[in-house]
Amino acid sequence: MAIYVVARWRARDGEDERVASLLSQIVPASRAEPGCLEYRAVRAREDQRAFVLFEGYADEAALAAHRESTHFRTLVLGQVVPLLDERDVTVCTAL
């Protein structure tokens, strides 16, 4: 069963451009994963510090592989997370 993730990030004041730059590396690396169905990052028009990621994975194993990937661990956890004021991740299944 497909797994979907909605991640909401809010960058610290002055860190939004760095987060956007890192996303330009994270998105293509994540899309290239074998079990990735979709990986899209968007930025709020009214608040440049707010980002939303829409992710889709073939199954739980594909999501787990994503979370263990080098780019997730080094770019997301290692570089982006320290730049955030808020991070909310919701894991979903289709109805």
PDB file of N, CA and C in Angstrom:
ATOM      1  N   MET A   1       0.838  -1.180   0.000  1.00  0.00           N
ATOM      2  CA  MET A   1       0.000   0.000   0.000  1.00  0.00           C
ATOM      3  C   MET A   1       0.885   1.246   0.000  1.00  0.00           C
ATOM      4  N   ALA A   2       0.522   2.207  -0.821  1.00  0.00           N
ATOM      5  CA  ALA A   2       1.295   3.447  -0.920  1.00  0.00           C
ATOM      6  C   ALA A   2       1.211   4.250   0.383  1.00  0.00           C
ATOM      7  N   ILE A   3       2.319   4.917   0.677  1.00  0.00           N
ATOM      8  CA  ILE A   3       2.445   5.762   1.866  1.00  0.00           C
ATOM      9  C   ILE A   3       2.708   7.193   1.395  1.00  0.00           C
ATOM     10  N   TYR A   4       2.035   8.147   2.016  1.00  0.00           N
ATOM     11  CA  TYR A   4       2.220   9.554   1.664  1.00  0.00           C
ATOM     12  C   TYR A   4       2.668  10.326   2.893  1.00  0.00           C
ATOM     13  N   VAL A   5       3.513  11.314   2.663  1.00  0.00           N
ATOM     14  CA  VAL A   5       4.039  12.140   3.750  1.00  0.00           C
ATOM     15  C   VAL A   5       3.815  13.600   3.391  1.00  0.00           C
ATOM     16  N   VAL A   6       3.336  14.357   4.358  1.00  0.00           N
ATOM     17  CA  VAL A   6       3.244  15.812   4.225  1.00  0.00           C
ATOM     18  C   VAL A   6       4.127  16.383   5.325  1.00  0.00           C
ATOM     19  N   ALA A   7       5.174  17.069   4.921  1.00  0.00           N
ATOM     20  CA  ALA A   7       6.108  17.671   5.877  1.00  0.00           C
ATOM     21  C   ALA A   7       5.999  19.188   5.775  1.00  0.00           C
ATOM     22  N   ARG A   8       5.819  19.818   6.900  1.00  0.00           N
ATOM     23  CA  ARG A   8       5.747  21.280   6.950  1.00  0.00           C
ATOM     24  C   ARG A   8       6.964  21.785   7.706  1.00  0.00           C
ATOM     25  N   TRP A   9       7.709  22.665   7.037  1.00  0.00           N
ATOM     26  CA  TRP A   9       8.907  23.234   7.638  1.00  0.00           C
ATOM     27  C   TRP A   9       8.745  24.741   7.718  1.00  0.00           C
ATOM     28  N   ARG A  10       9.253  25.328   8.790  1.00  0.00           N
ATOM     29  CA  ARG A  10       9.333  26.792   8.896  1.00  0.00           C
ATOM     30  C   ARG A  10      10.768  27.129   9.260  1.00  0.00           C
ATOM     31  N   ALA A  11      11.430  27.817   8.335  1.00  0.00           N
ATOM     32  CA  ALA A  11      12.832  28.182   8.523  1.00  0.00           C
ATOM     33  C   ALA A  11      12.976  29.268   9.579  1.00  0.00           C
ATOM     34  N   ARG A  12      14.094  29.236  10.258  1.00  0.00           N
ATOM     35  CA  ARG A  12      14.420  30.338  11.170  1.00  0.00           C
ATOM     36  C   ARG A  12      14.557  31.615  10.360  1.00  0.00           C
ATOM     37  N   ASP A  13      14.369  32.717  11.031  1.00  0.00           N
ATOM     38  CA  ASP A  13      14.513  34.018  10.376  1.00  0.00           C
ATOM     39  C   ASP A  13      15.889  34.114   9.727  1.00  0.00           C
ATOM     40  N   GLY A  14      15.920  34.439   8.451  1.00  0.00           N
ATOM     41  CA  GLY A  14      17.174  34.598   7.719  1.00  0.00           C
ATOM     42  C   GLY A  14      17.740  33.316   7.131  1.00  0.00           C
ATOM     43  N   GLU A  15      17.108  32.174   7.367  1.00  0.00           N
ATOM     44  CA  GLU A  15      17.622  30.884   6.876  1.00  0.00           C
ATOM     45  C   GLU A  15      16.811  30.317   5.712  1.00  0.00           C
ATOM     46  N   ASP A  16      15.765  31.030   5.272  1.00  0.00           N
ATOM     47  CA  ASP A  16      14.883  30.497   4.241  1.00  0.00           C
ATOM     48  C   ASP A  16      15.580  30.251   2.908  1.00  0.00           C
ATOM     49  N   GLU A  17      16.495  31.100   2.511  1.00  0.00           N
ATOM     50  CA  GLU A  17      17.179  30.891   1.234  1.00  0.00           C
ATOM     51  C   GLU A  17      18.114  29.679   1.295  1.00  0.00           C
ATOM     52  N   ARG A  18      18.713  29.459   2.437  1.00  0.00           N
ATOM     53  CA  ARG A  18      19.566  28.269   2.617  1.00  0.00           C
ATOM     54  C   ARG A  18      18.722  26.994   2.550  1.00  0.00           C
ATOM     55  N   VAL A  19      17.558  27.015   3.185  1.00  0.00           N
ATOM     56  CA  VAL A  19      16.665  25.857   3.129  1.00  0.00           C
ATOM     57  C   VAL A  19      16.234  25.611   1.678  1.00  0.00           C
ATOM     58  N   ALA A  20      15.862  26.656   0.967  1.00  0.00           N
ATOM     59  CA  ALA A  20      15.460  26.509  -0.435  1.00  0.00           C
ATOM     60  C   ALA A  20      16.598  25.929  -1.270  1.00  0.00           C
ATOM     61  N   SER A  21      17.811  26.383  -1.018  1.00  0.00           N
ATOM     62  CA  SER A  21      18.972  25.873  -1.742  1.00  0.00           C
ATOM     63  C   SER A  21      19.188  24.388  -1.461  1.00  0.00           C
ATOM     64  N   LEU A  22      19.062  23.980  -0.224  1.00  0.00           N
ATOM     65  CA  LEU A  22      19.219  22.570   0.131  1.00  0.00           C
ATOM     66  C   LEU A  22      18.120  21.722  -0.499  1.00  0.00           C
ATOM     67  N   LEU A  23      16.908  22.259  -0.574  1.00  0.00           N
ATOM     68  CA  LEU A  23      15.821  21.522  -1.216  1.00  0.00           C
ATOM     69  C   LEU A  23      16.105  21.269  -2.687  1.00  0.00           C
ATOM     70  N   SER A  24      16.840  22.161  -3.322  1.00  0.00           N
ATOM     71  CA  SER A  24      17.178  21.943  -4.735  1.00  0.00           C
ATOM     72  C   SER A  24      18.092  20.731  -4.919  1.00  0.00           C
ATOM     73  N   GLN A  25      18.724  20.282  -3.848  1.00  0.00           N
ATOM     74  CA  GLN A  25      19.523  19.048  -3.873  1.00  0.00           C
ATOM     75  C   GLN A  25      18.712  17.851  -3.389  1.00  0.00           C
ATOM     76  N   ILE A  26      17.876  18.075  -2.393  1.00  0.00           N
ATOM     77  CA  ILE A  26      17.094  16.996  -1.777  1.00  0.00           C
ATOM     78  C   ILE A  26      16.047  16.446  -2.739  1.00  0.00           C
ATOM     79  N   VAL A  27      15.336  17.325  -3.439  1.00  0.00           N
ATOM     80  CA  VAL A  27      14.235  16.894  -4.300  1.00  0.00           C
ATOM     81  C   VAL A  27      14.697  15.916  -5.382  1.00  0.00           C
ATOM     82  N   PRO A  28      15.693  16.246  -6.201  1.00  0.00           N
ATOM     83  CA  PRO A  28      16.073  15.282  -7.244  1.00  0.00           C
ATOM     84  C   PRO A  28      16.656  13.983  -6.690  1.00  0.00           C
ATOM     85  N   ALA A  29      17.374  14.065  -5.582  1.00  0.00           N
ATOM     86  CA  ALA A  29      17.928  12.848  -4.977  1.00  0.00           C
ATOM     87  C   ALA A  29      16.806  11.943  -4.477  1.00  0.00           C
ATOM     88  N   SER A  30      15.777  12.527  -3.892  1.00  0.00           N
ATOM     89  CA  SER A  30      14.651  11.742  -3.383  1.00  0.00           C
ATOM     90  C   SER A  30      13.828  11.163  -4.523  1.00  0.00           C
ATOM     91  N   ARG A  31      13.596  11.945  -5.566  1.00  0.00           N
ATOM     92  CA  ARG A  31      12.833  11.451  -6.717  1.00  0.00           C
ATOM     93  C   ARG A  31      13.520  10.270  -7.399  1.00  0.00           C
ATOM     94  N   ALA A  32      14.829  10.188  -7.289  1.00  0.00           N
ATOM     95  CA  ALA A  32      15.590   9.115  -7.932  1.00  0.00           C
ATOM     96  C   ALA A  32      15.539   7.793  -7.165  1.00  0.00           C
ATOM     97  N   GLU A  33      14.998   7.806  -5.963  1.00  0.00           N
ATOM     98  CA  GLU A  33      14.904   6.576  -5.167  1.00  0.00           C
ATOM     99  C   GLU A  33      13.948   5.588  -5.832  1.00  0.00           C
ATOM    100  N   PRO A  34      14.271   4.304  -5.827  1.00  0.00           N
ATOM    101  CA  PRO A  34      13.429   3.306  -6.502  1.00  0.00           C
ATOM    102  C   PRO A  34      11.963   3.288  -6.054  1.00  0.00           C
ATOM    103  N   GLY A  35      11.680   3.466  -4.785  1.00  0.00           N
ATOM    104  CA  GLY A  35      10.304   3.385  -4.300  1.00  0.00           C
ATOM    105  C   GLY A  35       9.575   4.708  -4.215  1.00  0.00           C
ATOM    106  N   CYS A  36      10.186   5.780  -4.709  1.00  0.00           N
ATOM    107  CA  CYS A  36       9.563   7.101  -4.632  1.00  0.00           C
ATOM    108  C   CYS A  36       8.540   7.272  -5.754  1.00  0.00           C
ATOM    109  N   LEU A  37       7.301   7.571  -5.393  1.00  0.00           N
ATOM    110  CA  LEU A  37       6.247   7.830  -6.365  1.00  0.00           C
ATOM    111  C   LEU A  37       6.145   9.317  -6.692  1.00  0.00           C
ATOM    112  N   GLU A  38       6.443  10.144  -5.706  1.00  0.00           N
ATOM    113  CA  GLU A  38       6.355  11.590  -5.874  1.00  0.00           C
ATOM    114  C   GLU A  38       7.162  12.270  -4.779  1.00  0.00           C
ATOM    115  N   TYR A  39       7.782  13.380  -5.126  1.00  0.00           N
ATOM    116  CA  TYR A  39       8.484  14.192  -4.130  1.00  0.00           C
ATOM    117  C   TYR A  39       8.463  15.620  -4.649  1.00  0.00           C
ATOM    118  N   ARG A  40       7.695  16.447  -3.978  1.00  0.00           N
ATOM    119  CA  ARG A  40       7.533  17.826  -4.423  1.00  0.00           C
ATOM    120  C   ARG A  40       7.687  18.759  -3.231  1.00  0.00           C
ATOM    121  N   ALA A  41       8.417  19.830  -3.416  1.00  0.00           N
ATOM    122  CA  ALA A  41       8.576  20.842  -2.372  1.00  0.00           C
ATOM    123  C   ALA A  41       8.010  22.158  -2.894  1.00  0.00           C
ATOM    124  N   VAL A  42       7.241  22.835  -2.038  1.00  0.00           N
ATOM    125  CA  VAL A  42       6.676  24.131  -2.397  1.00  0.00           C
ATOM    126  C   VAL A  42       6.955  25.114  -1.271  1.00  0.00           C
ATOM    127  N   ARG A  43       6.877  26.377  -1.640  1.00  0.00           N
ATOM    128  CA  ARG A  43       7.145  27.455  -0.680  1.00  0.00           C
ATOM    129  C   ARG A  43       5.923  28.360  -0.622  1.00  0.00           C
ATOM    130  N   ALA A  44       5.513  28.743   0.558  1.00  0.00           N
ATOM    131  CA  ALA A  44       4.338  29.604   0.714  1.00  0.00           C
ATOM    132  C   ALA A  44       4.602  30.983   0.107  1.00  0.00           C
ATOM    133  N   ARG A  45       3.616  31.488  -0.581  1.00  0.00           N
ATOM    134  CA  ARG A  45       3.750  32.805  -1.205  1.00  0.00           C
ATOM    135  C   ARG A  45       3.702  33.918  -0.171  1.00  0.00           C
ATOM    136  N   GLU A  46       2.886  33.741   0.865  1.00  0.00           N
ATOM    137  CA  GLU A  46       2.705  34.805   1.851  1.00  0.00           C
ATOM    138  C   GLU A  46       3.748  34.768   2.966  1.00  0.00           C
ATOM    139  N   ASP A  47       4.482  33.664   3.075  1.00  0.00           N
ATOM    140  CA  ASP A  47       5.499  33.527   4.124  1.00  0.00           C
ATOM    141  C   ASP A  47       6.671  32.743   3.549  1.00  0.00           C
ATOM    142  N   GLN A  48       7.676  33.438   3.119  1.00  0.00           N
ATOM    143  CA  GLN A  48       8.814  32.808   2.444  1.00  0.00           C
ATOM    144  C   GLN A  48       9.592  31.843   3.336  1.00  0.00           C
ATOM    145  N   ARG A  49       9.315  31.851   4.622  1.00  0.00           N
ATOM    146  CA  ARG A  49       9.984  30.926   5.547  1.00  0.00           C
ATOM    147  C   ARG A  49       9.267  29.590   5.647  1.00  0.00           C
ATOM    148  N   ALA A  50       8.069  29.476   5.051  1.00  0.00           N
ATOM    149  CA  ALA A  50       7.242  28.270   5.163  1.00  0.00           C
ATOM    150  C   ALA A  50       7.368  27.399   3.917  1.00  0.00           C
ATOM    151  N   PHE A  51       7.677  26.127   4.130  1.00  0.00           N
ATOM    152  CA  PHE A  51       7.831  25.141   3.059  1.00  0.00           C
ATOM    153  C   PHE A  51       6.924  23.952   3.356  1.00  0.00           C
ATOM    154  N   VAL A  52       6.404  23.330   2.294  1.00  0.00           N
ATOM    155  CA  VAL A  52       5.621  22.109   2.431  1.00  0.00           C
ATOM    156  C   VAL A  52       6.174  21.097   1.438  1.00  0.00           C
ATOM    157  N   LEU A  53       6.406  19.889   1.921  1.00  0.00           N
ATOM    158  CA  LEU A  53       6.879  18.797   1.069  1.00  0.00           C
ATOM    159  C   LEU A  53       5.772  17.766   0.961  1.00  0.00           C
ATOM    160  N   PHE A  54       5.493  17.335  -0.273  1.00  0.00           N
ATOM    161  CA  PHE A  54       4.527  16.287  -0.557  1.00  0.00           C
ATOM    162  C   PHE A  54       5.316  15.090  -1.075  1.00  0.00           C
ATOM    163  N   GLU A  55       5.226  13.980  -0.384  1.00  0.00           N
ATOM    164  CA  GLU A  55       6.019  12.808  -0.723  1.00  0.00           C
ATOM    165  C   GLU A  55       5.120  11.587  -0.873  1.00  0.00           C
ATOM    166  N   GLY A  56       5.444  10.733  -1.815  1.00  0.00           N
ATOM    167  CA  GLY A  56       4.717   9.483  -1.977  1.00  0.00           C
ATOM    168  C   GLY A  56       5.703   8.339  -2.158  1.00  0.00           C
ATOM    169  N   TYR A  57       5.431   7.222  -1.490  1.00  0.00           N
ATOM    170  CA  TYR A  57       6.310   6.050  -1.538  1.00  0.00           C
ATOM    171  C   TYR A  57       5.476   4.810  -1.831  1.00  0.00           C
ATOM    172  N   ALA A  58       6.055   3.864  -2.511  1.00  0.00           N
ATOM    173  CA  ALA A  58       5.349   2.650  -2.909  1.00  0.00           C
ATOM    174  C   ALA A  58       4.826   1.869  -1.709  1.00  0.00           C
ATOM    175  N   ASP A  59       5.591   1.879  -0.615  1.00  0.00           N
ATOM    176  CA  ASP A  59       5.203   1.109   0.571  1.00  0.00           C
ATOM    177  C   ASP A  59       6.061   1.543   1.755  1.00  0.00           C
ATOM    178  N   GLU A  60       5.833   0.904   2.892  1.00  0.00           N
ATOM    179  CA  GLU A  60       6.590   1.229   4.114  1.00  0.00           C
ATOM    180  C   GLU A  60       8.087   1.040   3.923  1.00  0.00           C
ATOM    181  N   ALA A  61       8.471   0.007   3.182  1.00  0.00           N
ATOM    182  CA  ALA A  61       9.898  -0.254   2.952  1.00  0.00           C
ATOM    183  C   ALA A  61      10.548   0.887   2.175  1.00  0.00           C
ATOM    184  N   ALA A  62       9.828   1.447   1.213  1.00  0.00           N
ATOM    185  CA  ALA A  62      10.370   2.563   0.432  1.00  0.00           C
ATOM    186  C   ALA A  62      10.524   3.808   1.298  1.00  0.00           C
ATOM    187  N   LEU A  63       9.552   4.051   2.191  1.00  0.00           N
ATOM    188  CA  LEU A  63       9.678   5.182   3.119  1.00  0.00           C
ATOM    189  C   LEU A  63      10.859   4.970   4.055  1.00  0.00           C
ATOM    190  N   ALA A  64      11.001   3.763   4.568  1.00  0.00           N
ATOM    191  CA  ALA A  64      12.133   3.458   5.454  1.00  0.00           C
ATOM    192  C   ALA A  64      13.456   3.645   4.726  1.00  0.00           C
ATOM    193  N   ALA A  65      13.525   3.207   3.473  1.00  0.00           N
ATOM    194  CA  ALA A  65      14.758   3.372   2.686  1.00  0.00           C
ATOM    195  C   ALA A  65      15.063   4.851   2.482  1.00  0.00           C
ATOM    196  N   HIS A  66      14.024   5.648   2.244  1.00  0.00           N
ATOM    197  CA  HIS A  66      14.224   7.095   2.099  1.00  0.00           C
ATOM    198  C   HIS A  66      14.825   7.684   3.376  1.00  0.00           C
ATOM    199  N   ARG A  67      14.279   7.307   4.504  1.00  0.00           N
ATOM    200  CA  ARG A  67      14.754   7.854   5.778  1.00  0.00           C
ATOM    201  C   ARG A  67      16.155   7.377   6.135  1.00  0.00           C
ATOM    202  N   GLU A  68      16.599   6.295   5.552  1.00  0.00           N
ATOM    203  CA  GLU A  68      17.958   5.791   5.782  1.00  0.00           C
ATOM    204  C   GLU A  68      18.947   6.246   4.700  1.00  0.00           C
ATOM    205  N   SER A  69      18.448   6.917   3.677  1.00  0.00           N
ATOM    206  CA  SER A  69      19.315   7.331   2.573  1.00  0.00           C
ATOM    207  C   SER A  69      20.352   8.354   3.040  1.00  0.00           C
ATOM    208  N   THR A  70      21.454   8.385   2.344  1.00  0.00           N
ATOM    209  CA  THR A  70      22.522   9.329   2.663  1.00  0.00           C
ATOM    210  C   THR A  70      22.039  10.769   2.534  1.00  0.00           C
ATOM    211  N   HIS A  71      21.306  11.070   1.463  1.00  0.00           N
ATOM    212  CA  HIS A  71      20.859  12.462   1.283  1.00  0.00           C
ATOM    213  C   HIS A  71      19.866  12.886   2.356  1.00  0.00           C
ATOM    214  N   PHE A  72      19.003  11.989   2.817  1.00  0.00           N
ATOM    215  CA  PHE A  72      18.082  12.352   3.892  1.00  0.00           C
ATOM    216  C   PHE A  72      18.852  12.608   5.179  1.00  0.00           C
ATOM    217  N   ARG A  73      19.768  11.714   5.493  1.00  0.00           N
ATOM    218  CA  ARG A  73      20.502  11.840   6.753  1.00  0.00           C
ATOM    219  C   ARG A  73      21.443  13.045   6.754  1.00  0.00           C
ATOM    220  N   THR A  74      22.145  13.284   5.649  1.00  0.00           N
ATOM    221  CA  THR A  74      23.102  14.394   5.637  1.00  0.00           C
ATOM    222  C   THR A  74      22.457  15.737   5.325  1.00  0.00           C
ATOM    223  N   LEU A  75      21.559  15.775   4.334  1.00  0.00           N
ATOM    224  CA  LEU A  75      20.972  17.059   3.942  1.00  0.00           C
ATOM    225  C   LEU A  75      19.787  17.453   4.821  1.00  0.00           C
ATOM    226  N   VAL A  76      18.830  16.539   4.998  1.00  0.00           N
ATOM    227  CA  VAL A  76      17.637  16.895   5.777  1.00  0.00           C
ATOM    228  C   VAL A  76      17.972  16.963   7.268  1.00  0.00           C
ATOM    229  N   LEU A  77      18.380  15.829   7.828  1.00  0.00           N
ATOM    230  CA  LEU A  77      18.635  15.801   9.272  1.00  0.00           C
ATOM    231  C   LEU A  77      19.866  16.608   9.668  1.00  0.00           C
ATOM    232  N   GLY A  78      20.922  16.500   8.870  1.00  0.00           N
ATOM    233  CA  GLY A  78      22.179  17.150   9.236  1.00  0.00           C
ATOM    234  C   GLY A  78      22.242  18.635   8.947  1.00  0.00           C
ATOM    235  N   GLN A  79      21.590  19.083   7.859  1.00  0.00           N
ATOM    236  CA  GLN A  79      21.725  20.483   7.474  1.00  0.00           C
ATOM    237  C   GLN A  79      20.432  21.293   7.568  1.00  0.00           C
ATOM    238  N   VAL A  80      19.306  20.732   7.110  1.00  0.00           N
ATOM    239  CA  VAL A  80      18.070  21.510   7.119  1.00  0.00           C
ATOM    240  C   VAL A  80      17.483  21.627   8.524  1.00  0.00           C
ATOM    241  N   VAL A  81      17.321  20.518   9.213  1.00  0.00           N
ATOM    242  CA  VAL A  81      16.650  20.548  10.525  1.00  0.00           C
ATOM    243  C   VAL A  81      17.253  21.597  11.468  1.00  0.00           C
ATOM    244  N   PRO A  82      18.573  21.757  11.541  1.00  0.00           N
ATOM    245  CA  PRO A  82      19.106  22.807  12.423  1.00  0.00           C
ATOM    246  C   PRO A  82      18.730  24.237  12.001  1.00  0.00           C
ATOM    247  N   LEU A  83      18.249  24.401  10.758  1.00  0.00           N
ATOM    248  CA  LEU A  83      17.867  25.729  10.258  1.00  0.00           C
ATOM    249  C   LEU A  83      16.391  26.037  10.480  1.00  0.00           C
ATOM    250  N   LEU A  84      15.654  25.101  11.074  1.00  0.00           N
ATOM    251  CA  LEU A  84      14.206  25.248  11.202  1.00  0.00           C
ATOM    252  C   LEU A  84      13.765  25.679  12.597  1.00  0.00           C
ATOM    253  N   ASP A  85      12.707  26.495  12.615  1.00  0.00           N
ATOM    254  CA  ASP A  85      12.000  26.807  13.859  1.00  0.00           C
ATOM    255  C   ASP A  85      10.963  25.734  14.141  1.00  0.00           C
ATOM    256  N   GLU A  86      10.348  25.213  13.073  1.00  0.00           N
ATOM    257  CA  GLU A  86       9.292  24.215  13.213  1.00  0.00           C
ATOM    258  C   GLU A  86       9.446  23.143  12.149  1.00  0.00           C
ATOM    259  N   ARG A  87       9.062  21.921  12.536  1.00  0.00           N
ATOM    260  CA  ARG A  87       9.047  20.798  11.589  1.00  0.00           C
ATOM    261  C   ARG A  87       7.923  19.873  12.026  1.00  0.00           C
ATOM    262  N   ASP A  88       6.968  19.680  11.131  1.00  0.00           N
ATOM    263  CA  ASP A  88       5.834  18.806  11.399  1.00  0.00           C
ATOM    264  C   ASP A  88       5.738  17.810  10.251  1.00  0.00           C
ATOM    265  N   VAL A  89       5.701  16.529  10.569  1.00  0.00           N
ATOM    266  CA  VAL A  89       5.647  15.475   9.561  1.00  0.00           C
ATOM    267  C   VAL A  89       4.434  14.606   9.836  1.00  0.00           C
ATOM    268  N   THR A  90       3.566  14.466   8.810  1.00  0.00           N
ATOM    269  CA  THR A  90       2.380  13.627   8.908  1.00  0.00           C
ATOM    270  C   THR A  90       2.487  12.512   7.880  1.00  0.00           C
ATOM    271  N   VAL A  91       2.402  11.255   8.339  1.00  0.00           N
ATOM    272  CA  VAL A  91       2.452  10.093   7.453  1.00  0.00           C
ATOM    273  C   VAL A  91       1.013   9.621   7.248  1.00  0.00           C
ATOM    274  N   CYS A  92       0.651   9.382   5.974  1.00  0.00           N
ATOM    275  CA  CYS A  92      -0.737   9.074   5.607  1.00  0.00           C
ATOM    276  C   CYS A  92      -0.813   7.867   4.692  1.00  0.00           C
ATOM    277  N   THR A  93      -2.007   7.292   4.612  1.00  0.00           N
ATOM    278  CA  THR A  93      -2.305   6.282   3.601  1.00  0.00           C
ATOM    279  C   THR A  93      -3.515   6.777   2.813  1.00  0.00           C
ATOM    280  N   ALA A  94      -3.652   6.305   1.580  1.00  0.00           N
ATOM    281  CA  ALA A  94      -4.759   6.728   0.726  1.00  0.00           C
ATOM    282  C   ALA A  94      -6.071   6.145   1.234  1.00  0.00           C
ATOM    283  N   LEU A  95      -7.136   6.855   1.001  1.00  0.00           N
ATOM    284  CA  LEU A  95      -8.474   6.372   1.375  1.00  0.00           C
ATOM    285  C   LEU A  95      -9.043   5.530   0.246  1.00  0.00           C
TER     286      LEU A  95
END
